[in-house]
Amino acid sequence: MESFVDDSVEWSRYRAAVLDPLEFDLRETSNDELSEEQAATLREYYEQFLREALATHWTVTNETGPRTIRVRSTVTEVDTTSLVVN
C-alpha cells in the first residue's frame, strides 16, 4: 500500500475530517476481475475502517469548514486471489 503524508503539515491544527467516497482507478490492472458487488463490499469495508481510524484523532463529519481536513483515497490495484483453507 502506498500513501502520501506531508510532514510539514501541523496535524494538531485540525479538529474534524471529511472522508470522501473511495474511488477506483484500475487502469494499470485488469479490472474485469473485480465485480461491482466486490467493489461495493471493498468500499464499505475500507470506508468503515478509515472512518474508525480517523475518529481516534478527529470528529468525522460530512461538512467542510475551518480546521477540517479532507481525506481522499483511491484503489489503484486489487488482487482478487482467494485463500483456500483446508
Protein backbone atom coordinates (compact mmCIF):
# COMPACT_ATOMS: atom_id res chain seq x y z
CA MET A 1 0.00 0.00 0.00
CA GLU A 2 1.31 3.42 -0.90
CA SER A 3 0.42 6.57 0.96
CA PHE A 4 1.40 10.21 0.99
CA VAL A 5 1.83 12.21 4.18
CA ASP A 6 3.13 15.76 4.17
CA ASP A 7 5.42 16.05 7.20
CA SER A 8 5.24 19.85 7.10
CA VAL A 9 1.51 19.82 7.99
CA GLU A 10 0.61 20.70 11.57
CA TRP A 11 -1.96 17.92 12.09
CA SER A 12 -2.91 19.19 15.56
CA ARG A 13 -4.48 22.28 13.94
CA TYR A 14 -7.33 20.14 12.59
CA ARG A 15 -10.42 19.23 14.62
CA ALA A 16 -12.55 17.38 12.05
CA ALA A 17 -12.19 15.18 8.98
CA VAL A 18 -14.34 14.75 5.88
CA LEU A 19 -13.99 11.32 4.25
CA ASP A 20 -14.65 11.38 0.50
CA PRO A 21 -16.07 8.21 -1.09
CA LEU A 22 -13.45 5.62 -2.05
CA GLU A 23 -12.51 5.82 -5.74
CA PHE A 24 -11.31 3.02 -8.01
CA ASP A 25 -8.72 3.66 -10.75
CA LEU A 26 -7.74 0.22 -12.01
CA ARG A 27 -6.32 1.18 -15.42
CA GLU A 28 -2.99 -0.46 -14.59
CA THR A 29 -4.63 -3.80 -13.72
CA SER A 30 -7.34 -5.99 -15.14
CA ASN A 31 -10.49 -4.54 -13.61
CA ASP A 32 -12.79 -7.23 -15.07
CA GLU A 33 -11.64 -9.38 -12.15
CA LEU A 34 -13.39 -7.05 -9.68
CA SER A 35 -17.17 -7.28 -9.85
CA GLU A 36 -19.46 -4.41 -8.88
CA GLU A 37 -20.51 -6.42 -5.81
CA GLN A 38 -16.87 -6.94 -4.77
CA ALA A 39 -16.13 -3.24 -5.31
CA ALA A 40 -19.13 -2.28 -3.15
CA THR A 41 -18.01 -4.68 -0.39
CA LEU A 42 -14.43 -3.37 -0.53
CA ARG A 43 -15.66 0.24 -0.49
CA GLU A 44 -17.90 -0.41 2.55
CA TYR A 45 -15.15 -2.23 4.48
CA TYR A 46 -12.45 0.34 3.68
CA GLU A 47 -14.61 3.37 4.43
CA GLN A 48 -15.69 1.91 7.79
CA PHE A 49 -12.08 1.06 8.68
CA LEU A 50 -10.84 4.52 7.71
CA ARG A 51 -13.74 6.26 9.47
CA GLU A 52 -12.88 4.44 12.71
CA ALA A 53 -9.17 5.24 12.33
CA LEU A 54 -9.85 8.93 11.67
CA ALA A 55 -12.25 9.10 14.64
CA THR A 56 -9.36 8.38 17.01
CA HIS A 57 -7.92 11.80 16.07
CA TRP A 58 -10.77 13.95 14.74
CA THR A 59 -14.53 14.25 14.59
CA VAL A 60 -15.59 12.62 11.32
CA THR A 61 -18.16 14.79 9.55
CA ASN A 62 -19.80 15.35 6.17
CA GLU A 63 -19.43 19.13 6.44
CA THR A 64 -16.36 21.06 5.32
CA GLY A 65 -15.29 24.01 7.41
CA PRO A 66 -12.46 25.66 9.30
CA ARG A 67 -9.89 23.28 10.80
CA THR A 68 -11.33 20.38 8.80
CA ILE A 69 -9.16 18.01 6.79
CA ARG A 70 -10.45 16.25 3.66
CA VAL A 71 -9.33 12.64 3.08
CA ARG A 72 -9.42 11.23 -0.46
CA SER A 73 -8.49 7.63 -1.22
CA THR A 74 -8.08 5.73 -4.47
CA VAL A 75 -7.63 1.99 -5.00
CA THR A 76 -5.25 1.50 -7.92
CA GLU A 77 -4.69 -2.25 -7.76
CA VAL A 78 -6.66 -5.22 -6.47
CA ASP A 79 -5.52 -8.80 -6.01
CA THR A 80 -8.62 -10.99 -6.23
CA THR A 81 -6.79 -14.17 -5.25
CA SER A 82 -8.83 -16.27 -2.86
CA LEU A 83 -7.39 -18.10 0.11
CA VAL A 84 -8.17 -21.79 0.33
CA VAL A 85 -8.49 -23.15 3.85
CA ASN A 86 -8.47 -26.90 4.38
